[in-house]
Structure formats: structure tokens, C-alpha cells
C-alpha atoms as a PDB file:
ATOM      1  CA  MET A   1      87.750 100.729 130.157  1.00  0.00           C
ATOM      2  CA  ILE A   2      90.555  98.253 130.770  1.00  0.00           C
ATOM      3  CA  ALA A   3      88.972  97.297 134.090  1.00  0.00           C
ATOM      4  CA  ASP A   4      85.674  96.744 132.279  1.00  0.00           C
ATOM      5  CA  ASN A   5      87.381  94.398 129.795  1.00  0.00           C
ATOM      6  CA  GLN A   6      89.056  92.455 132.608  1.00  0.00           C
ATOM      7  CA  GLN A   7      85.774  92.212 134.494  1.00  0.00           C
ATOM      8  CA  GLU A   8      83.919  91.131 131.354  1.00  0.00           C
ATOM      9  CA  ARG A   9      86.551  88.454 130.592  1.00  0.00           C
ATOM     10  CA  SER A  10      86.308  87.117 134.142  1.00  0.00           C
ATOM     11  CA  LEU A  11      82.594  86.496 133.554  1.00  0.00           C
ATOM     12  CA  ILE A  12      83.420  84.083 130.742  1.00  0.00           C
ATOM     13  CA  SER A  13      83.069  80.548 132.070  1.00  0.00           C
ATOM     14  CA  GLU A  14      85.415  77.665 131.475  1.00  0.00           C
ATOM     15  CA  ASN A  15      82.569  75.920 129.623  1.00  0.00           C
ATOM     16  CA  GLN A  16      82.286  78.883 127.243  1.00  0.00           C
ATOM     17  CA  LYS A  17      86.017  78.680 126.557  1.00  0.00           C
ATOM     18  CA  TRP A  18      85.749  74.967 125.756  1.00  0.00           C
ATOM     19  CA  PHE A  19      82.734  75.728 123.562  1.00  0.00           C
ATOM     20  CA  LEU A  20      84.794  78.372 121.739  1.00  0.00           C
ATOM     21  CA  ALA A  21      87.601  75.831 121.279  1.00  0.00           C
ATOM     22  CA  GLY A  22      85.155  73.446 119.595  1.00  0.00           C
ATOM     23  CA  PHE A  23      83.894  76.251 117.414  1.00  0.00           C
ATOM     24  CA  ILE A  24      87.464  77.151 116.434  1.00  0.00           C
ATOM     25  CA  GLU A  25      88.050  73.520 115.479  1.00  0.00           C
ATOM     26  CA  GLY A  26      85.219  73.712 112.946  1.00  0.00           C
ATOM     27  CA  GLU A  27      85.169  77.322 111.823  1.00  0.00           C
ATOM     28  CA  GLY A  28      88.555  78.754 112.772  1.00  0.00           C
ATOM     29  CA  SER A  29      91.795  79.182 110.956  1.00  0.00           C
ATOM     30  CA  VAL A  30      95.338  80.375 111.486  1.00  0.00           C
ATOM     31  CA  CYS A  31      97.179  81.766 108.528  1.00  0.00           C
ATOM     32  CA  VAL A  32     100.638  83.135 107.898  1.00  0.00           C
ATOM     33  CA  SER A  33     100.521  85.273 104.777  1.00  0.00           C
ATOM     34  CA  ILE A  34     103.716  85.893 102.874  1.00  0.00           C
ATOM     35  CA  LYS A  35     103.091  89.053 100.894  1.00  0.00           C
ATOM     36  CA  LYS A  36     105.400  90.465  98.264  1.00  0.00           C
ATOM     37  CA  HIS A  37     106.057  94.065  99.286  1.00  0.00           C
ATOM     38  CA  LYS A  38     108.687  96.499  98.076  1.00  0.00           C
ATOM     39  CA  ASN A  39     109.217  97.895 101.600  1.00  0.00           C
ATOM     40  CA  GLY A  40     109.288  94.502 103.311  1.00  0.00           C
ATOM     41  CA  LYS A  41     112.513  93.039 104.573  1.00  0.00           C
ATOM     42  CA  PHE A  42     113.959  91.052 101.664  1.00  0.00           C
ATOM     43  CA  GLY A  43     110.906  92.045  99.570  1.00  0.00           C
ATOM     44  CA  PHE A  44     108.258  90.226 101.636  1.00  0.00           C
ATOM     45  CA  LEU A  45     106.020  90.814 104.644  1.00  0.00           C
ATOM     46  CA  ILE A  46     105.092  87.972 107.001  1.00  0.00           C
ATOM     47  CA  ASP A  47     101.611  88.438 108.443  1.00  0.00           C
ATOM     48  CA  PRO A  48     100.150  85.951 110.972  1.00  0.00           C
ATOM     49  CA  GLU A  49      96.373  86.078 111.501  1.00  0.00           C
ATOM     50  CA  PHE A  50      93.698  84.184 113.391  1.00  0.00           C
ATOM     51  CA  PHE A  51      90.210  83.933 111.816  1.00  0.00           C
ATOM     52  CA  LEU A  52      86.728  82.671 112.683  1.00  0.00           C
ATOM     53  CA  TYR A  53      83.824  82.541 110.232  1.00  0.00           C
ATOM     54  CA  GLN A  54      80.090  82.466 110.892  1.00  0.00           C
ATOM     55  CA  HIS A  55      76.799  83.352 109.260  1.00  0.00           C
ATOM     56  CA  LYS A  56      75.593  86.818 110.281  1.00  0.00           C
ATOM     57  CA  SER A  57      72.549  85.296 112.007  1.00  0.00           C
ATOM     58  CA  ARG A  58      74.893  83.677 114.547  1.00  0.00           C
ATOM     59  CA  LYS A  59      77.157  86.632 115.260  1.00  0.00           C
ATOM     60  CA  GLU A  60      77.041  85.948 119.029  1.00  0.00           C
ATOM     61  CA  VAL A  61      79.755  83.280 118.877  1.00  0.00           C
ATOM     62  CA  LEU A  62      82.111  85.740 117.141  1.00  0.00           C
ATOM     63  CA  GLU A  63      81.289  88.267 119.853  1.00  0.00           C
ATOM     64  CA  LEU A  64      82.162  85.619 122.455  1.00  0.00           C
ATOM     65  CA  ALA A  65      85.580  85.222 120.834  1.00  0.00           C
ATOM     66  CA  GLN A  66      85.981  88.991 120.827  1.00  0.00           C
ATOM     67  CA  ARG A  67      85.228  89.036 124.573  1.00  0.00           C
ATOM     68  CA  VAL A  68      87.542  86.109 125.342  1.00  0.00           C
ATOM     69  CA  PHE A  69      90.468  87.715 123.520  1.00  0.00           C
ATOM     70  CA  ALA A  70      89.434  91.311 124.339  1.00  0.00           C
ATOM     71  CA  ALA A  71      90.542  92.254 120.842  1.00  0.00           C
ATOM     72  CA  GLY A  72      89.928  91.724 117.157  1.00  0.00           C
ATOM     73  CA  ARG A  73      87.288  92.902 114.756  1.00  0.00           C
ATOM     74  CA  ILE A  74      84.189  91.487 113.093  1.00  0.00           C
ATOM     75  CA  TYR A  75      83.364  92.397 109.503  1.00  0.00           C
ATOM     76  CA  PRO A  76      81.460  90.992 106.486  1.00  0.00           C
ATOM     77  CA  LYS A  77      83.432  88.597 104.299  1.00  0.00           C
ATOM     78  CA  VAL A  78      84.459  90.158 101.008  1.00  0.00           C
ATOM     79  CA  GLY A  79      82.169  88.859  98.284  1.00  0.00           C
ATOM     80  CA  ASN A  80      79.701  87.292 100.737  1.00  0.00           C
ATOM     81  CA  PRO A  81      78.207  89.799 103.204  1.00  0.00           C
ATOM     82  CA  ASP A  82      76.077  87.074 104.835  1.00  0.00           C
ATOM     83  CA  ILE A  83      79.255  85.564 106.303  1.00  0.00           C
ATOM     84  CA  LEU A  84      81.024  87.415 109.088  1.00  0.00           C
ATOM     85  CA  VAL A  85      84.728  87.172 109.814  1.00  0.00           C
ATOM     86  CA  TYR A  86      86.331  87.668 113.208  1.00  0.00           C
ATOM     87  CA  THR A  87      90.045  88.326 112.926  1.00  0.00           C
ATOM     88  CA  VAL A  88      92.969  89.019 115.212  1.00  0.00           C
ATOM     89  CA  ASP A  89      96.132  90.184 113.480  1.00  0.00           C
ATOM     90  CA  ALA A  90      97.839  92.284 116.169  1.00  0.00           C
ATOM     91  CA  ARG A  91     100.995  90.360 117.041  1.00  0.00           C
ATOM     92  CA  LYS A  92     100.869  91.342 120.719  1.00  0.00           C
ATOM     93  CA  THR A  93      97.314  90.011 121.047  1.00  0.00           C
ATOM     94  CA  LEU A  94      98.235  86.835 119.186  1.00  0.00           C
ATOM     95  CA  LEU A  95     101.166  86.277 121.546  1.00  0.00           C
ATOM     96  CA  GLU A  96      99.448  87.224 124.796  1.00  0.00           C
ATOM     97  CA  LYS A  97      95.915  85.926 124.266  1.00  0.00           C
ATOM     98  CA  VAL A  98      95.251  83.822 121.162  1.00  0.00           C
ATOM     99  CA  ILE A  99      98.299  81.542 121.242  1.00  0.00           C
ATOM    100  CA  PRO A 100      97.979  80.761 124.979  1.00  0.00           C
ATOM    101  CA  PHE A 101      94.281  79.960 124.392  1.00  0.00           C
ATOM    102  CA  LEU A 102      95.111  77.685 121.452  1.00  0.00           C
ATOM    103  CA  SER A 103      97.875  75.988 123.467  1.00  0.00           C
ATOM    104  CA  LYS A 104      95.537  75.254 126.356  1.00  0.00           C
ATOM    105  CA  TYR A 105      92.184  74.552 124.716  1.00  0.00           C
ATOM    106  CA  MET A 106      93.197  73.195 121.299  1.00  0.00           C
ATOM    107  CA  LYS A 107      95.793  70.622 122.354  1.00  0.00           C
ATOM    108  CA  TYR A 108      93.491  67.792 121.209  1.00  0.00           C
ATOM    109  CA  SER A 109      92.671  69.468 117.909  1.00  0.00           C
ATOM    110  CA  SER A 110      93.380  67.711 114.643  1.00  0.00           C
ATOM    111  CA  ARG A 111      95.066  70.981 113.659  1.00  0.00           C
ATOM    112  CA  ASN A 112      97.223  71.256 116.763  1.00  0.00           C
ATOM    113  CA  GLU A 113     100.409  70.992 114.676  1.00  0.00           C
ATOM    114  CA  ASP A 114      99.360  74.010 112.590  1.00  0.00           C
ATOM    115  CA  PHE A 115      98.606  75.939 115.790  1.00  0.00           C
ATOM    116  CA  ARG A 116     102.053  75.009 117.141  1.00  0.00           C
ATOM    117  CA  LYS A 117     103.773  76.178 113.957  1.00  0.00           C
ATOM    118  CA  PHE A 118     101.707  79.383 113.996  1.00  0.00           C
ATOM    119  CA  ALA A 119     102.996  80.039 117.527  1.00  0.00           C
ATOM    120  CA  ILE A 120     106.607  79.388 116.485  1.00  0.00           C
ATOM    121  CA  ILE A 121     106.313  81.823 113.579  1.00  0.00           C
ATOM    122  CA  THR A 122     104.606  84.544 115.609  1.00  0.00           C
ATOM    123  CA  LYS A 123     107.211  84.258 118.377  1.00  0.00           C
ATOM    124  CA  SER A 124     110.019  84.302 115.784  1.00  0.00           C
ATOM    125  CA  LEU A 125     108.626  87.522 114.328  1.00  0.00           C
ATOM    126  CA  ASP A 126     108.440  89.040 117.797  1.00  0.00           C
ATOM    127  CA  GLN A 127     112.107  88.089 118.298  1.00  0.00           C
ATOM    128  CA  LYS A 128     112.880  89.776 114.955  1.00  0.00           C
ATOM    129  CA  LYS A 129     114.300  86.590 113.457  1.00  0.00           C
ATOM    130  CA  HIS A 130     112.901  87.681 110.085  1.00  0.00           C
ATOM    131  CA  TRP A 131     115.479  90.503 110.014  1.00  0.00           C
ATOM    132  CA  THR A 132     118.080  88.028 108.777  1.00  0.00           C
ATOM    133  CA  LYS A 133     117.854  86.041 105.556  1.00  0.00           C
ATOM    134  CA  GLU A 134     118.361  82.825 107.488  1.00  0.00           C
ATOM    135  CA  GLY A 135     115.558  83.665 109.909  1.00  0.00           C
ATOM    136  CA  MET A 136     113.226  84.786 107.124  1.00  0.00           C
ATOM    137  CA  ILE A 137     113.794  81.543 105.233  1.00  0.00           C
ATOM    138  CA  GLU A 138     113.237  79.488 108.372  1.00  0.00           C
ATOM    139  CA  ILE A 139     109.895  81.249 108.924  1.00  0.00           C
ATOM    140  CA  ILE A 140     108.895  80.698 105.298  1.00  0.00           C
ATOM    141  CA  GLU A 141     109.806  76.996 105.516  1.00  0.00           C
ATOM    142  CA  ILE A 142     107.559  76.606 108.566  1.00  0.00           C
ATOM    143  CA  ALA A 143     104.722  78.659 107.026  1.00  0.00           C
ATOM    144  CA  TYR A 144     104.753  76.524 103.886  1.00  0.00           C
ATOM    145  CA  SER A 145     104.539  73.374 106.013  1.00  0.00           C
ATOM    146  CA  MET A 146     101.239  74.573 107.533  1.00  0.00           C
ATOM    147  CA  ASN A 147      97.665  74.170 106.307  1.00  0.00           C
ATOM    148  CA  MET A 148      98.074  71.178 104.002  1.00  0.00           C
ATOM    149  CA  GLU A 149     101.673  71.990 103.072  1.00  0.00           C
ATOM    150  CA  GLY A 150     100.819  75.391 101.570  1.00  0.00           C
ATOM    151  CA  LYS A 151      98.680  74.031  98.733  1.00  0.00           C
ATOM    152  CA  GLN A 152      96.590  77.224  98.600  1.00  0.00           C
ATOM    153  CA  ARG A 153      99.589  79.544  98.216  1.00  0.00           C
ATOM    154  CA  LYS A 154      99.948  81.760  95.183  1.00  0.00           C
ATOM    155  CA  ARG A 155     103.730  81.346  94.925  1.00  0.00           C
ATOM    156  CA  LYS A 156     105.826  78.241  95.309  1.00  0.00           C
ATOM    157  CA  LYS A 157     108.107  78.165  98.332  1.00  0.00           C
ATOM    158  CA  GLU A 158     111.196  77.838  96.137  1.00  0.00           C
ATOM    159  CA  GLU A 159     110.226  80.976  94.207  1.00  0.00           C
ATOM    160  CA  VAL A 160     109.970  83.006  97.434  1.00  0.00           C
ATOM    161  CA  ILE A 161     113.231  81.654  98.838  1.00  0.00           C
ATOM    162  CA  ASN A 162     115.092  82.226  95.558  1.00  0.00           C
ATOM    163  CA  GLU A 163     113.917  85.818  95.501  1.00  0.00           C
ATOM    164  CA  ILE A 164     115.132  86.344  99.074  1.00  0.00           C
ATOM    165  CA  LEU A 165     118.483  84.736  98.259  1.00  0.00           C
ATOM    166  CA  ARG A 166     119.181  86.565  95.003  1.00  0.00           C
ATOM    167  CA  ASP A 167     122.642  88.134  95.093  1.00  0.00           C
ATOM    168  CA  TYR A 168     123.406  86.117  98.236  1.00  0.00           C
ATOM    169  CA  THR A 169     125.749  83.168  98.571  1.00  0.00           C
ATOM    170  CA  PRO A 170     124.537  81.101 101.481  1.00  0.00           C
ATOM    171  CA  ASN A 171     126.946  78.856 103.323  1.00  0.00           C
ATOM    172  CA  THR A 172     124.226  77.347 105.456  1.00  0.00           C
ATOM    173  CA  ASP A 173     121.802  74.478 104.977  1.00  0.00           C
ATOM    174  CA  TYR A 174     118.337  76.065 105.222  1.00  0.00           C
ATOM    175  CA  SER A 175     116.433  72.878 105.845  1.00  0.00           C
ATOM    176  CA  VAL A 176     114.462  73.474 108.995  1.00  0.00           C
ATOM    177  CA  LYS A 177     113.854  70.957 111.748  1.00  0.00           C
ATOM    178  CA  ILE A 178     110.370  71.651 113.071  1.00  0.00           C
END
């Protein structure tokens, strides 16, 4: 089966990859969720995800993305079954397939800075930087600087950081240079 996936990916043309890049520009998204969770390190889970959206009548482009990345799943959007969502949330796939694709094909994107920050966060998680309070705060600072400075977030950045730092006396400046 792995050989089949490799063979199928090799049949994807460079033009199709550039087409997919244009589609991602219009209908794609990267997101780093910060979820309050009692079992998460410092009370939070950091969850990077890559999404594409499309009407169910045009599912083929989502299937193209699934072939290009040889991963991910397609499902109906909650509350609107006419819209399909393609998502990749496996960190290994993000690191090995999605982020390299975004780096190569999305370098001229108006959202290139968000893609770059998404890559930094995903790599930081892979390096287990979130296992320290300093690393967790650095990741949160970067995440809140993405996607229009975190305007759609449920919690304010300061609220999350204060919760992480409770009962902790930092002797470090947590301002992050991105």
C-alpha cells in the first residue's frame, strides 16, 4: 500500500501542485488551537491543524490534496453538510508533507507569515519545547500573533499566560522575537 501511495503521488504534476497552492490561498487555513484541558501540560493542549474547505459538489480538489499529502481526512462541516472539510492534524504529516509544501508553493502567499509561524510552532512542539513554561508561553505568543492577531480566539492571550504562570515566579522576559 505504501508503494501505491508513492506511485500515486508521483503521478501528481507540478501544475497540479501549483493549482493546489492557489486553492489553499483561497480556501485553506492553518490553525493552532489552544485548548484548556485538565491533562494538558500546564492545563492546555496545543493543536496545530491544516484545513481546506469546499462545497461537496467539488470534492475532487480535496481529494487532490489528500493524494498530494497522502494523509488527512475529508468530512462534512459541522452545521453545514454541504461544505466538506479536508484536515491534516497529525504532527508527523504536518512536518514531513504539509509544511514543506507550504514552504515551497506558498512563498508568495499573502498569508506566508502565518504559514511560517505555523511551521515554527509545529517544529517547537516536535522538539517538546511546550514541556517547559517558557517554551509553552513562547508558542502561545506566536500562535496569538497568527491569523489577524488572534481576534477569533475565545480567551485573551494574557488570560492563558496568567493561568500557565500561576504559582510561578518568572525571572525571564517572555516577549518573543518572531
